Amino acid sequence: MTFQPMTAWIEIPVTDLDASAKFYDAVFGWTSQKITDMGPNPIVVLNGADEAGGGHLYPGTPAANSGSTVHLTVTDTVEATAARATKAGGQVMGPIVDIPSGRFQYMTDLDGNSIGMFELKAA
């Protein structure tokens, strides 16, 4: 089975934009960018977001009970990313799950958003 990118853009609601930007940067090794002139609210564009897809954090109210889960690709291993998530204040949930295209583990961010830490299978 071949996977093609399906995500056009993701938006993750957070209660503290600056703290959440630091959290995602610490967990995934990103350098996100705060933008204040793109709409009615400031946003933090997640590293790697471009015209081919991506996402941002925005000031909002997270869904009750985690809402949808967004899977974000890790830059090294699920284990290393999970350790950074815990250190940054997130909560790692459940075991690592192996699937044909890779492996993942769930976490919740500072606002309880459900995030999958996804490690692509080596080619």
PDB file of N, CA and C in Angstrom:
ATOM      1  N   MET A   1       0.842  -1.172   0.000  1.00  0.00           N
ATOM      2  CA  MET A   1       0.000   0.000   0.000  1.00  0.00           C
ATOM      3  C   MET A   1       0.892   1.242   0.000  1.00  0.00           C
ATOM      4  N   THR A   2       0.587   2.179  -0.871  1.00  0.00           N
ATOM      5  CA  THR A   2       1.327   3.432  -0.947  1.00  0.00           C
ATOM      6  C   THR A   2       0.485   4.540  -0.343  1.00  0.00           C
ATOM      7  N   PHE A   3       1.094   5.322   0.545  1.00  0.00           N
ATOM      8  CA  PHE A   3       0.383   6.431   1.158  1.00  0.00           C
ATOM      9  C   PHE A   3       0.716   7.718   0.435  1.00  0.00           C
ATOM     10  N   GLN A   4      -0.279   8.547   0.216  1.00  0.00           N
ATOM     11  CA  GLN A   4      -0.082   9.874  -0.328  1.00  0.00           C
ATOM     12  C   GLN A   4      -0.494  10.875   0.740  1.00  0.00           C
ATOM     13  N   PRO A   5       0.136  12.049   0.760  1.00  0.00           N
ATOM     14  CA  PRO A   5      -0.250  13.046   1.756  1.00  0.00           C
ATOM     15  C   PRO A   5      -1.738  13.373   1.634  1.00  0.00           C
ATOM     16  N   MET A   6      -2.436  13.358   2.751  1.00  0.00           N
ATOM     17  CA  MET A   6      -3.854  13.678   2.760  1.00  0.00           C
ATOM     18  C   MET A   6      -4.145  14.993   3.464  1.00  0.00           C
ATOM     19  N   THR A   7      -3.243  15.428   4.287  1.00  0.00           N
ATOM     20  CA  THR A   7      -3.498  16.624   5.066  1.00  0.00           C
ATOM     21  C   THR A   7      -3.198  17.860   4.246  1.00  0.00           C
ATOM     22  N   ALA A   8      -4.217  18.689   4.041  1.00  0.00           N
ATOM     23  CA  ALA A   8      -4.016  19.951   3.343  1.00  0.00           C
ATOM     24  C   ALA A   8      -3.473  20.982   4.329  1.00  0.00           C
ATOM     25  N   TRP A   9      -4.036  20.995   5.513  1.00  0.00           N
ATOM     26  CA  TRP A   9      -3.619  21.930   6.548  1.00  0.00           C
ATOM     27  C   TRP A   9      -4.246  21.493   7.850  1.00  0.00           C
ATOM     28  N   ILE A  10      -3.520  21.643   8.938  1.00  0.00           N
ATOM     29  CA  ILE A  10      -4.083  21.329  10.244  1.00  0.00           C
ATOM     30  C   ILE A  10      -4.062  22.576  11.112  1.00  0.00           C
ATOM     31  N   GLU A  11      -5.028  22.672  11.979  1.00  0.00           N
ATOM     32  CA  GLU A  11      -5.077  23.736  12.966  1.00  0.00           C
ATOM     33  C   GLU A  11      -5.259  23.084  14.330  1.00  0.00           C
ATOM     34  N   ILE A  12      -4.393  23.433  15.263  1.00  0.00           N
ATOM     35  CA  ILE A  12      -4.476  22.874  16.605  1.00  0.00           C
ATOM     36  C   ILE A  12      -4.807  24.013  17.566  1.00  0.00           C
ATOM     37  N   PRO A  13      -5.978  23.959  18.212  1.00  0.00           N
ATOM     38  CA  PRO A  13      -6.337  25.008  19.151  1.00  0.00           C
ATOM     39  C   PRO A  13      -5.562  24.856  20.461  1.00  0.00           C
ATOM     40  N   VAL A  14      -5.047  25.964  20.959  1.00  0.00           N
ATOM     41  CA  VAL A  14      -4.278  25.950  22.208  1.00  0.00           C
ATOM     42  C   VAL A  14      -4.689  27.141  23.072  1.00  0.00           C
ATOM     43  N   THR A  15      -4.500  26.998  24.371  1.00  0.00           N
ATOM     44  CA  THR A  15      -4.876  28.077  25.283  1.00  0.00           C
ATOM     45  C   THR A  15      -3.748  29.066  25.526  1.00  0.00           C
ATOM     46  N   ASP A  16      -2.499  28.643  25.331  1.00  0.00           N
ATOM     47  CA  ASP A  16      -1.344  29.529  25.508  1.00  0.00           C
ATOM     48  C   ASP A  16      -0.443  29.343  24.289  1.00  0.00           C
ATOM     49  N   LEU A  17      -0.531  30.276  23.355  1.00  0.00           N
ATOM     50  CA  LEU A  17       0.162  30.155  22.066  1.00  0.00           C
ATOM     51  C   LEU A  17       1.675  30.018  22.242  1.00  0.00           C
ATOM     52  N   ASP A  18       2.281  30.867  23.068  1.00  0.00           N
ATOM     53  CA  ASP A  18       3.735  30.833  23.229  1.00  0.00           C
ATOM     54  C   ASP A  18       4.209  29.551  23.908  1.00  0.00           C
ATOM     55  N   ALA A  19       3.522  29.140  24.970  1.00  0.00           N
ATOM     56  CA  ALA A  19       3.905  27.901  25.668  1.00  0.00           C
ATOM     57  C   ALA A  19       3.737  26.689  24.759  1.00  0.00           C
ATOM     58  N   SER A  20       2.668  26.678  23.981  1.00  0.00           N
ATOM     59  CA  SER A  20       2.438  25.544  23.083  1.00  0.00           C
ATOM     60  C   SER A  20       3.451  25.508  21.950  1.00  0.00           C
ATOM     61  N   ALA A  21       3.852  26.672  21.435  1.00  0.00           N
ATOM     62  CA  ALA A  21       4.892  26.714  20.404  1.00  0.00           C
ATOM     63  C   ALA A  21       6.186  26.121  20.954  1.00  0.00           C
ATOM     64  N   LYS A  22       6.551  26.487  22.167  1.00  0.00           N
ATOM     65  CA  LYS A  22       7.759  25.932  22.791  1.00  0.00           C
ATOM     66  C   LYS A  22       7.631  24.423  22.970  1.00  0.00           C
ATOM     67  N   PHE A  23       6.438  23.955  23.358  1.00  0.00           N
ATOM     68  CA  PHE A  23       6.192  22.529  23.539  1.00  0.00           C
ATOM     69  C   PHE A  23       6.420  21.772  22.228  1.00  0.00           C
ATOM     70  N   TYR A  24       5.764  22.191  21.136  1.00  0.00           N
ATOM     71  CA  TYR A  24       5.892  21.487  19.862  1.00  0.00           C
ATOM     72  C   TYR A  24       7.322  21.567  19.321  1.00  0.00           C
ATOM     73  N   ASP A  25       7.976  22.707  19.483  1.00  0.00           N
ATOM     74  CA  ASP A  25       9.367  22.831  19.044  1.00  0.00           C
ATOM     75  C   ASP A  25      10.263  21.884  19.831  1.00  0.00           C
ATOM     76  N   ALA A  26      10.050  21.791  21.151  1.00  0.00           N
ATOM     77  CA  ALA A  26      10.872  20.912  21.993  1.00  0.00           C
ATOM     78  C   ALA A  26      10.636  19.443  21.654  1.00  0.00           C
ATOM     79  N   VAL A  27       9.390  19.059  21.434  1.00  0.00           N
ATOM     80  CA  VAL A  27       9.058  17.659  21.186  1.00  0.00           C
ATOM     81  C   VAL A  27       9.538  17.195  19.808  1.00  0.00           C
ATOM     82  N   PHE A  28       9.305  18.003  18.765  1.00  0.00           N
ATOM     83  CA  PHE A  28       9.601  17.579  17.405  1.00  0.00           C
ATOM     84  C   PHE A  28      10.886  18.171  16.833  1.00  0.00           C
ATOM     85  N   GLY A  29      11.594  19.007  17.592  1.00  0.00           N
ATOM     86  CA  GLY A  29      12.842  19.594  17.106  1.00  0.00           C
ATOM     87  C   GLY A  29      12.617  20.652  16.055  1.00  0.00           C
ATOM     88  N   TRP A  30      11.477  21.320  16.109  1.00  0.00           N
ATOM     89  CA  TRP A  30      11.121  22.340  15.135  1.00  0.00           C
ATOM     90  C   TRP A  30      11.561  23.725  15.585  1.00  0.00           C
ATOM     91  N   THR A  31      11.508  24.658  14.668  1.00  0.00           N
ATOM     92  CA  THR A  31      11.660  26.080  14.957  1.00  0.00           C
ATOM     93  C   THR A  31      10.457  26.753  14.298  1.00  0.00           C
ATOM     94  N   SER A  32       9.384  26.874  15.053  1.00  0.00           N
ATOM     95  CA  SER A  32       8.148  27.422  14.520  1.00  0.00           C
ATOM     96  C   SER A  32       8.218  28.936  14.440  1.00  0.00           C
ATOM     97  N   GLN A  33       7.274  29.513  13.714  1.00  0.00           N
ATOM     98  CA  GLN A  33       7.290  30.952  13.485  1.00  0.00           C
ATOM     99  C   GLN A  33       5.949  31.572  13.867  1.00  0.00           C
ATOM    100  N   LYS A  34       5.990  32.587  14.727  1.00  0.00           N
ATOM    101  CA  LYS A  34       4.774  33.301  15.113  1.00  0.00           C
ATOM    102  C   LYS A  34       4.473  34.360  14.061  1.00  0.00           C
ATOM    103  N   ILE A  35       3.228  34.381  13.610  1.00  0.00           N
ATOM    104  CA  ILE A  35       2.790  35.337  12.601  1.00  0.00           C
ATOM    105  C   ILE A  35       1.600  36.106  13.164  1.00  0.00           C
ATOM    106  N   THR A  36       1.652  37.418  13.053  1.00  0.00           N
ATOM    107  CA  THR A  36       0.592  38.238  13.635  1.00  0.00           C
ATOM    108  C   THR A  36      -0.269  38.955  12.593  1.00  0.00           C
ATOM    109  N   ASP A  37       0.071  38.866  11.318  1.00  0.00           N
ATOM    110  CA  ASP A  37      -0.652  39.631  10.302  1.00  0.00           C
ATOM    111  C   ASP A  37      -1.375  38.768   9.271  1.00  0.00           C
ATOM    112  N   MET A  38      -1.731  37.541   9.633  1.00  0.00           N
ATOM    113  CA  MET A  38      -2.327  36.632   8.668  1.00  0.00           C
ATOM    114  C   MET A  38      -3.840  36.492   8.833  1.00  0.00           C
ATOM    115  N   GLY A  39      -4.399  37.034   9.869  1.00  0.00           N
ATOM    116  CA  GLY A  39      -5.825  36.895  10.109  1.00  0.00           C
ATOM    117  C   GLY A  39      -6.223  37.621  11.370  1.00  0.00           C
ATOM    118  N   PRO A  40      -7.355  37.244  11.913  1.00  0.00           N
ATOM    119  CA  PRO A  40      -7.845  37.957  13.087  1.00  0.00           C
ATOM    120  C   PRO A  40      -7.039  37.677  14.364  1.00  0.00           C
ATOM    121  N   ASN A  41      -6.310  36.566  14.388  1.00  0.00           N
ATOM    122  CA  ASN A  41      -5.532  36.186  15.573  1.00  0.00           C
ATOM    123  C   ASN A  41      -4.092  35.899  15.177  1.00  0.00           C
ATOM    124  N   PRO A  42      -3.161  36.051  16.119  1.00  0.00           N
ATOM    125  CA  PRO A  42      -1.813  35.571  15.839  1.00  0.00           C
ATOM    126  C   PRO A  42      -1.848  34.052  15.751  1.00  0.00           C
ATOM    127  N   ILE A  43      -0.946  33.481  14.970  1.00  0.00           N
ATOM    128  CA  ILE A  43      -0.820  32.032  14.863  1.00  0.00           C
ATOM    129  C   ILE A  43       0.655  31.667  14.961  1.00  0.00           C
ATOM    130  N   VAL A  44       0.932  30.410  15.202  1.00  0.00           N
ATOM    131  CA  VAL A  44       2.286  29.892  15.140  1.00  0.00           C
ATOM    132  C   VAL A  44       2.302  28.836  14.040  1.00  0.00           C
ATOM    133  N   VAL A  45       3.019  29.129  12.947  1.00  0.00           N
ATOM    134  CA  VAL A  45       3.139  28.192  11.838  1.00  0.00           C
ATOM    135  C   VAL A  45       4.158  27.135  12.240  1.00  0.00           C
ATOM    136  N   LEU A  46       3.735  25.885  12.167  1.00  0.00           N
ATOM    137  CA  LEU A  46       4.614  24.786  12.551  1.00  0.00           C
ATOM    138  C   LEU A  46       5.694  24.613  11.503  1.00  0.00           C
ATOM    139  N   ASN A  47       6.904  24.353  11.936  1.00  0.00           N
ATOM    140  CA  ASN A  47       8.053  24.166  11.054  1.00  0.00           C
ATOM    141  C   ASN A  47       7.704  23.178   9.952  1.00  0.00           C
ATOM    142  N   GLY A  48       8.071  23.505   8.743  1.00  0.00           N
ATOM    143  CA  GLY A  48       7.824  22.611   7.620  1.00  0.00           C
ATOM    144  C   GLY A  48       6.531  22.910   6.897  1.00  0.00           C
ATOM    145  N   ALA A  49       5.702  23.793   7.462  1.00  0.00           N
ATOM    146  CA  ALA A  49       4.443  24.118   6.799  1.00  0.00           C
ATOM    147  C   ALA A  49       4.731  24.983   5.574  1.00  0.00           C
ATOM    148  N   ASP A  50       4.208  24.582   4.427  1.00  0.00           N
ATOM    149  CA  ASP A  50       4.401  25.348   3.204  1.00  0.00           C
ATOM    150  C   ASP A  50       3.198  25.140   2.300  1.00  0.00           C
ATOM    151  N   GLU A  51       3.315  25.524   1.058  1.00  0.00           N
ATOM    152  CA  GLU A  51       2.177  25.414   0.150  1.00  0.00           C
ATOM    153  C   GLU A  51       1.753  23.971  -0.104  1.00  0.00           C
ATOM    154  N   ALA A  52       2.593  22.998   0.227  1.00  0.00           N
ATOM    155  CA  ALA A  52       2.245  21.594   0.017  1.00  0.00           C
ATOM    156  C   ALA A  52       1.475  21.017   1.193  1.00  0.00           C
ATOM    157  N   GLY A  53       1.261  21.781   2.223  1.00  0.00           N
ATOM    158  CA  GLY A  53       0.541  21.307   3.399  1.00  0.00           C
ATOM    159  C   GLY A  53       1.301  21.678   4.640  1.00  0.00           C
ATOM    160  N   GLY A  54       0.674  21.563   5.737  1.00  0.00           N
ATOM    161  CA  GLY A  54       1.291  21.894   7.008  1.00  0.00           C
ATOM    162  C   GLY A  54       0.224  22.278   7.998  1.00  0.00           C
ATOM    163  N   GLY A  55       0.591  23.159   8.914  1.00  0.00           N
ATOM    164  CA  GLY A  55      -0.392  23.535   9.904  1.00  0.00           C
ATOM    165  C   GLY A  55       0.090  24.605  10.845  1.00  0.00           C
ATOM    166  N   HIS A  56      -0.803  24.965  11.748  1.00  0.00           N
ATOM    167  CA  HIS A  56      -0.454  25.988  12.719  1.00  0.00           C
ATOM    168  C   HIS A  56      -1.215  25.793  14.024  1.00  0.00           C
ATOM    169  N   LEU A  57      -0.710  26.456  15.044  1.00  0.00           N
ATOM    170  CA  LEU A  57      -1.384  26.562  16.333  1.00  0.00           C
ATOM    171  C   LEU A  57      -2.156  27.871  16.315  1.00  0.00           C
ATOM    172  N   TYR A  58      -3.295  27.904  16.982  1.00  0.00           N
ATOM    173  CA  TYR A  58      -4.047  29.151  17.077  1.00  0.00           C
ATOM    174  C   TYR A  58      -4.710  29.250  18.441  1.00  0.00           C
ATOM    175  N   PRO A  59      -4.968  30.477  18.910  1.00  0.00           N
ATOM    176  CA  PRO A  59      -5.642  30.640  20.188  1.00  0.00           C
ATOM    177  C   PRO A  59      -7.083  30.132  20.057  1.00  0.00           C
ATOM    178  N   GLY A  60      -7.425  29.135  20.830  1.00  0.00           N
ATOM    179  CA  GLY A  60      -8.761  28.567  20.738  1.00  0.00           C
ATOM    180  C   GLY A  60      -9.042  27.650  21.898  1.00  0.00           C
ATOM    181  N   THR A  61     -10.160  26.978  21.823  1.00  0.00           N
ATOM    182  CA  THR A  61     -10.581  26.061  22.868  1.00  0.00           C
ATOM    183  C   THR A  61     -10.445  24.638  22.348  1.00  0.00           C
ATOM    184  N   PRO A  62      -9.540  23.850  22.936  1.00  0.00           N
ATOM    185  CA  PRO A  62      -9.384  22.462  22.496  1.00  0.00           C
ATOM    186  C   PRO A  62     -10.695  21.685  22.671  1.00  0.00           C
ATOM    187  N   ALA A  63     -10.913  20.702  21.802  1.00  0.00           N
ATOM    188  CA  ALA A  63     -12.107  19.869  21.881  1.00  0.00           C
ATOM    189  C   ALA A  63     -12.103  19.064  23.175  1.00  0.00           C
ATOM    190  N   ALA A  64     -13.280  18.867  23.730  1.00  0.00           N
ATOM    191  CA  ALA A  64     -13.412  18.030  24.927  1.00  0.00           C
ATOM    192  C   ALA A  64     -12.978  16.611  24.585  1.00  0.00           C
ATOM    193  N   ASN A  65     -12.311  15.968  25.511  1.00  0.00           N
ATOM    194  CA  ASN A  65     -11.863  14.579  25.333  1.00  0.00           C
ATOM    195  C   ASN A  65     -10.986  14.383  24.115  1.00  0.00           C
ATOM    196  N   SER A  66     -10.136  15.347  23.815  1.00  0.00           N
ATOM    197  CA  SER A  66      -9.098  15.272  22.796  1.00  0.00           C
ATOM    198  C   SER A  66      -9.561  15.488  21.368  1.00  0.00           C
ATOM    199  N   GLY A  67     -10.828  15.364  21.037  1.00  0.00           N
ATOM    200  CA  GLY A  67     -11.279  15.588  19.667  1.00  0.00           C
ATOM    201  C   GLY A  67     -10.581  14.653  18.692  1.00  0.00           C
ATOM    202  N   SER A  68     -10.251  15.152  17.515  1.00  0.00           N
ATOM    203  CA  SER A  68      -9.557  14.366  16.497  1.00  0.00           C
ATOM    204  C   SER A  68      -8.088  14.206  16.857  1.00  0.00           C
ATOM    205  N   THR A  69      -7.460  13.225  16.245  1.00  0.00           N
ATOM    206  CA  THR A  69      -6.027  13.026  16.443  1.00  0.00           C
ATOM    207  C   THR A  69      -5.288  13.417  15.173  1.00  0.00           C
ATOM    208  N   VAL A  70      -4.264  14.235  15.341  1.00  0.00           N
ATOM    209  CA  VAL A  70      -3.381  14.625  14.251  1.00  0.00           C
ATOM    210  C   VAL A  70      -2.107  13.813  14.410  1.00  0.00           C
ATOM    211  N   HIS A  71      -1.643  13.177  13.340  1.00  0.00           N
ATOM    212  CA  HIS A  71      -0.386  12.433  13.385  1.00  0.00           C
ATOM    213  C   HIS A  71       0.704  13.291  12.752  1.00  0.00           C
ATOM    214  N   LEU A  72       1.765  13.504  13.504  1.00  0.00           N
ATOM    215  CA  LEU A  72       2.892  14.308  13.049  1.00  0.00           C
ATOM    216  C   LEU A  72       4.122  13.418  12.934  1.00  0.00           C
ATOM    217  N   THR A  73       4.868  13.568  11.857  1.00  0.00           N
ATOM    218  CA  THR A  73       6.044  12.744  11.603  1.00  0.00           C
ATOM    219  C   THR A  73       7.191  13.159  12.519  1.00  0.00           C
ATOM    220  N   VAL A  74       7.804  12.178  13.169  1.00  0.00           N
ATOM    221  CA  VAL A  74       8.944  12.446  14.047  1.00  0.00           C
ATOM    222  C   VAL A  74      10.219  12.533  13.210  1.00  0.00           C
ATOM    223  N   THR A  75      11.232  13.194  13.752  1.00  0.00           N
ATOM    224  CA  THR A  75      12.485  13.356  13.019  1.00  0.00           C
ATOM    225  C   THR A  75      13.509  12.282  13.364  1.00  0.00           C
ATOM    226  N   ASP A  76      13.247  11.504  14.410  1.00  0.00           N
ATOM    227  CA  ASP A  76      14.173  10.436  14.781  1.00  0.00           C
ATOM    228  C   ASP A  76      13.371   9.173  15.097  1.00  0.00           C
ATOM    229  N   THR A  77      13.144   8.873  16.363  1.00  0.00           N
ATOM    230  CA  THR A  77      12.372   7.689  16.726  1.00  0.00           C
ATOM    231  C   THR A  77      11.181   8.083  17.592  1.00  0.00           C
ATOM    232  N   VAL A  78      10.202   7.197  17.628  1.00  0.00           N
ATOM    233  CA  VAL A  78       9.047   7.415  18.504  1.00  0.00           C
ATOM    234  C   VAL A  78       9.512   7.500  19.960  1.00  0.00           C
ATOM    235  N   GLU A  79      10.435   6.625  20.346  1.00  0.00           N
ATOM    236  CA  GLU A  79      10.893   6.616  21.738  1.00  0.00           C
ATOM    237  C   GLU A  79      11.530   7.944  22.138  1.00  0.00           C
ATOM    238  N   ALA A  80      12.408   8.471  21.280  1.00  0.00           N
ATOM    239  CA  ALA A  80      13.081   9.740  21.587  1.00  0.00           C
ATOM    240  C   ALA A  80      12.073  10.886  21.618  1.00  0.00           C
ATOM    241  N   THR A  81      11.113  10.871  20.705  1.00  0.00           N
ATOM    242  CA  THR A  81      10.099  11.915  20.662  1.00  0.00           C
ATOM    243  C   THR A  81       9.196  11.832  21.893  1.00  0.00           C
ATOM    244  N   ALA A  82       8.835  10.627  22.292  1.00  0.00           N
ATOM    245  CA  ALA A  82       8.010  10.442  23.485  1.00  0.00           C
ATOM    246  C   ALA A  82       8.730  10.960  24.736  1.00  0.00           C
ATOM    247  N   ALA A  83      10.023  10.720  24.822  1.00  0.00           N
ATOM    248  CA  ALA A  83      10.794  11.217  25.969  1.00  0.00           C
ATOM    249  C   ALA A  83      10.781  12.744  25.996  1.00  0.00           C
ATOM    250  N   ARG A  84      10.936  13.368  24.833  1.00  0.00           N
ATOM    251  CA  ARG A  84      10.892  14.838  24.775  1.00  0.00           C
ATOM    252  C   ARG A  84       9.504  15.358  25.116  1.00  0.00           C
ATOM    253  N   ALA A  85       8.475  14.643  24.672  1.00  0.00           N
ATOM    254  CA  ALA A  85       7.103  15.053  24.968  1.00  0.00           C
ATOM    255  C   ALA A  85       6.859  15.062  26.473  1.00  0.00           C
ATOM    256  N   THR A  86       7.289  14.020  27.144  1.00  0.00           N
ATOM    257  CA  THR A  86       7.123  13.942  28.596  1.00  0.00           C
ATOM    258  C   THR A  86       7.895  15.059  29.281  1.00  0.00           C
ATOM    259  N   LYS A  87       9.136  15.283  28.865  1.00  0.00           N
ATOM    260  CA  LYS A  87       9.969  16.327  29.455  1.00  0.00           C
ATOM    261  C   LYS A  87       9.359  17.720  29.244  1.00  0.00           C
ATOM    262  N   ALA A  88       8.699  17.923  28.103  1.00  0.00           N
ATOM    263  CA  ALA A  88       8.118  19.228  27.780  1.00  0.00           C
ATOM    264  C   ALA A  88       6.752  19.448  28.429  1.00  0.00           C
ATOM    265  N   GLY A  89       6.222  18.427  29.117  1.00  0.00           N
ATOM    266  CA  GLY A  89       4.959  18.590  29.823  1.00  0.00           C
ATOM    267  C   GLY A  89       3.775  17.868  29.211  1.00  0.00           C
ATOM    268  N   GLY A  90       4.009  17.090  28.147  1.00  0.00           N
ATOM    269  CA  GLY A  90       2.930  16.315  27.546  1.00  0.00           C
ATOM    270  C   GLY A  90       2.766  14.991  28.270  1.00  0.00           C
ATOM    271  N   GLN A  91       1.764  14.227  27.850  1.00  0.00           N
ATOM    272  CA  GLN A  91       1.530  12.919  28.452  1.00  0.00           C
ATOM    273  C   GLN A  91       1.496  11.871  27.347  1.00  0.00           C
ATOM    274  N   VAL A  92       2.367  10.875  27.439  1.00  0.00           N
ATOM    275  CA  VAL A  92       2.414   9.797  26.461  1.00  0.00           C
ATOM    276  C   VAL A  92       1.339   8.776  26.831  1.00  0.00           C
ATOM    277  N   MET A  93       0.615   8.337  25.816  1.00  0.00           N
ATOM    278  CA  MET A  93      -0.533   7.458  26.034  1.00  0.00           C
ATOM    279  C   MET A  93      -0.340   6.140  25.301  1.00  0.00           C
ATOM    280  N   GLY A  94      -0.465   5.033  25.991  1.00  0.00           N
ATOM    281  CA  GLY A  94      -0.480   3.720  25.367  1.00  0.00           C
ATOM    282  C   GLY A  94       0.846   3.285  24.786  1.00  0.00           C
ATOM    283  N   PRO A  95       0.849   2.071  24.225  1.00  0.00           N
ATOM    284  CA  PRO A  95       2.076   1.489  23.672  1.00  0.00           C
ATOM    285  C   PRO A  95       2.358   2.010  22.263  1.00  0.00           C
ATOM    286  N   ILE A  96       3.561   1.715  21.783  1.00  0.00           N
ATOM    287  CA  ILE A  96       3.899   1.981  20.384  1.00  0.00           C
ATOM    288  C   ILE A  96       3.157   0.957  19.529  1.00  0.00           C
ATOM    289  N   VAL A  97       2.569   1.441  18.448  1.00  0.00           N
ATOM    290  CA  VAL A  97       1.788   0.586  17.553  1.00  0.00           C
ATOM    291  C   VAL A  97       2.536   0.466  16.232  1.00  0.00           C
ATOM    292  N   ASP A  98       2.805  -0.774  15.807  1.00  0.00           N
ATOM    293  CA  ASP A  98       3.457  -1.035  14.527  1.00  0.00           C
ATOM    294  C   ASP A  98       2.406  -1.264  13.456  1.00  0.00           C
ATOM    295  N   ILE A  99       2.564  -0.589  12.310  1.00  0.00           N
ATOM    296  CA  ILE A  99       1.706  -0.801  11.146  1.00  0.00           C
ATOM    297  C   ILE A  99       2.630  -0.927   9.935  1.00  0.00           C
ATOM    298  N   PRO A 100       2.143  -1.381   8.803  1.00  0.00           N
ATOM    299  CA  PRO A 100       3.030  -1.600   7.660  1.00  0.00           C
ATOM    300  C   PRO A 100       3.839  -0.380   7.226  1.00  0.00           C
ATOM    301  N   SER A 101       3.292   0.825   7.354  1.00  0.00           N
ATOM    302  CA  SER A 101       4.007   2.015   6.879  1.00  0.00           C
ATOM    303  C   SER A 101       4.894   2.653   7.940  1.00  0.00           C
ATOM    304  N   GLY A 102       4.902   2.103   9.150  1.00  0.00           N
ATOM    305  CA  GLY A 102       5.745   2.672  10.204  1.00  0.00           C
ATOM    306  C   GLY A 102       5.236   2.296  11.580  1.00  0.00           C
ATOM    307  N   ARG A 103       5.394   3.226  12.508  1.00  0.00           N
ATOM    308  CA  ARG A 103       4.962   2.990  13.885  1.00  0.00           C
ATOM    309  C   ARG A 103       4.602   4.320  14.515  1.00  0.00           C
ATOM    310  N   PHE A 104       3.733   4.260  15.526  1.00  0.00           N
ATOM    311  CA  PHE A 104       3.322   5.492  16.178  1.00  0.00           C
ATOM    312  C   PHE A 104       2.929   5.234  17.625  1.00  0.00           C
ATOM    313  N   GLN A 105       2.851   6.328  18.357  1.00  0.00           N
ATOM    314  CA  GLN A 105       2.386   6.307  19.736  1.00  0.00           C
ATOM    315  C   GLN A 105       1.623   7.607  19.958  1.00  0.00           C
ATOM    316  N   TYR A 106       0.626   7.541  20.799  1.00  0.00           N
ATOM    317  CA  TYR A 106      -0.169   8.732  21.086  1.00  0.00           C
ATOM    318  C   TYR A 106       0.407   9.521  22.244  1.00  0.00           C
ATOM    319  N   MET A 107       0.142  10.821  22.216  1.00  0.00           N
ATOM    320  CA  MET A 107       0.428  11.693  23.350  1.00  0.00           C
ATOM    321  C   MET A 107      -0.666  12.745  23.393  1.00  0.00           C
ATOM    322  N   THR A 108      -0.737  13.454  24.486  1.00  0.00           N
ATOM    323  CA  THR A 108      -1.564  14.650  24.552  1.00  0.00           C
ATOM    324  C   THR A 108      -0.635  15.823  24.809  1.00  0.00           C
ATOM    325  N   ASP A 109      -0.983  16.965  24.196  1.00  0.00           N
ATOM    326  CA  ASP A 109      -0.169  18.165  24.374  1.00  0.00           C
ATOM    327  C   ASP A 109      -0.594  18.909  25.636  1.00  0.00           C
ATOM    328  N   LEU A 110      -0.143  20.131  25.805  1.00  0.00           N
ATOM    329  CA  LEU A 110      -0.425  20.902  27.018  1.00  0.00           C
ATOM    330  C   LEU A 110      -1.913  21.181  27.202  1.00  0.00           C
ATOM    331  N   ASP A 111      -2.688  21.147  26.113  1.00  0.00           N
ATOM    332  CA  ASP A 111      -4.123  21.420  26.190  1.00  0.00           C
ATOM    333  C   ASP A 111      -4.983  20.171  26.062  1.00  0.00           C
ATOM    334  N   GLY A 112      -4.361  18.996  26.055  1.00  0.00           N
ATOM    335  CA  GLY A 112      -5.116  17.759  25.953  1.00  0.00           C
ATOM    336  C   GLY A 112      -5.427  17.332  24.530  1.00  0.00           C
ATOM    337  N   ASN A 113      -4.868  18.032  23.514  1.00  0.00           N
ATOM    338  CA  ASN A 113      -5.065  17.611  22.128  1.00  0.00           C
ATOM    339  C   ASN A 113      -4.379  16.270  21.902  1.00  0.00           C
ATOM    340  N   SER A 114      -5.048  15.373  21.192  1.00  0.00           N
ATOM    341  CA  SER A 114      -4.496  14.057  20.887  1.00  0.00           C
ATOM    342  C   SER A 114      -3.576  14.157  19.679  1.00  0.00           C
ATOM    343  N   ILE A 115      -2.312  13.765  19.852  1.00  0.00           N
ATOM    344  CA  ILE A 115      -1.305  13.842  18.810  1.00  0.00           C
ATOM    345  C   ILE A 115      -0.675  12.463  18.641  1.00  0.00           C
ATOM    346  N   GLY A 116      -0.589  11.987  17.393  1.00  0.00           N
ATOM    347  CA  GLY A 116       0.133  10.760  17.112  1.00  0.00           C
ATOM    348  C   GLY A 116       1.556  11.105  16.709  1.00  0.00           C
ATOM    349  N   MET A 117       2.522  10.483  17.351  1.00  0.00           N
ATOM    350  CA  MET A 117       3.946  10.671  17.003  1.00  0.00           C
ATOM    351  C   MET A 117       4.270   9.549  16.025  1.00  0.00           C
ATOM    352  N   PHE A 118       4.415   9.873  14.728  1.00  0.00           N
ATOM    353  CA  PHE A 118       4.509   8.863  13.682  1.00  0.00           C
ATOM    354  C   PHE A 118       5.929   8.760  13.124  1.00  0.00           C
ATOM    355  N   GLU A 119       6.460   7.538  13.138  1.00  0.00           N
ATOM    356  CA  GLU A 119       7.785   7.254  12.581  1.00  0.00           C
ATOM    357  C   GLU A 119       7.606   6.424  11.315  1.00  0.00           C
ATOM    358  N   LEU A 120       7.991   6.998  10.174  1.00  0.00           N
ATOM    359  CA  LEU A 120       7.877   6.298   8.908  1.00  0.00           C
ATOM    360  C   LEU A 120       8.818   5.103   8.868  1.00  0.00           C
ATOM    361  N   LYS A 121       8.369   4.016   8.244  1.00  0.00           N
ATOM    362  CA  LYS A 121       9.199   2.839   8.068  1.00  0.00           C
ATOM    363  C   LYS A 121      10.330   3.163   7.106  1.00  0.00           C
ATOM    364  N   ALA A 122      11.527   2.732   7.440  1.00  0.00           N
ATOM    365  CA  ALA A 122      12.691   2.984   6.564  1.00  0.00           C
ATOM    366  C   ALA A 122      12.458   2.299   5.227  1.00  0.00           C
ATOM    367  N   ALA A 123      12.861   2.992   4.169  1.00  0.00           N
ATOM    368  CA  ALA A 123      12.672   2.461   2.802  1.00  0.00           C
ATOM    369  C   ALA A 123      13.617   1.313   2.521  1.00  0.00           C
TER     370      ALA A 123
END
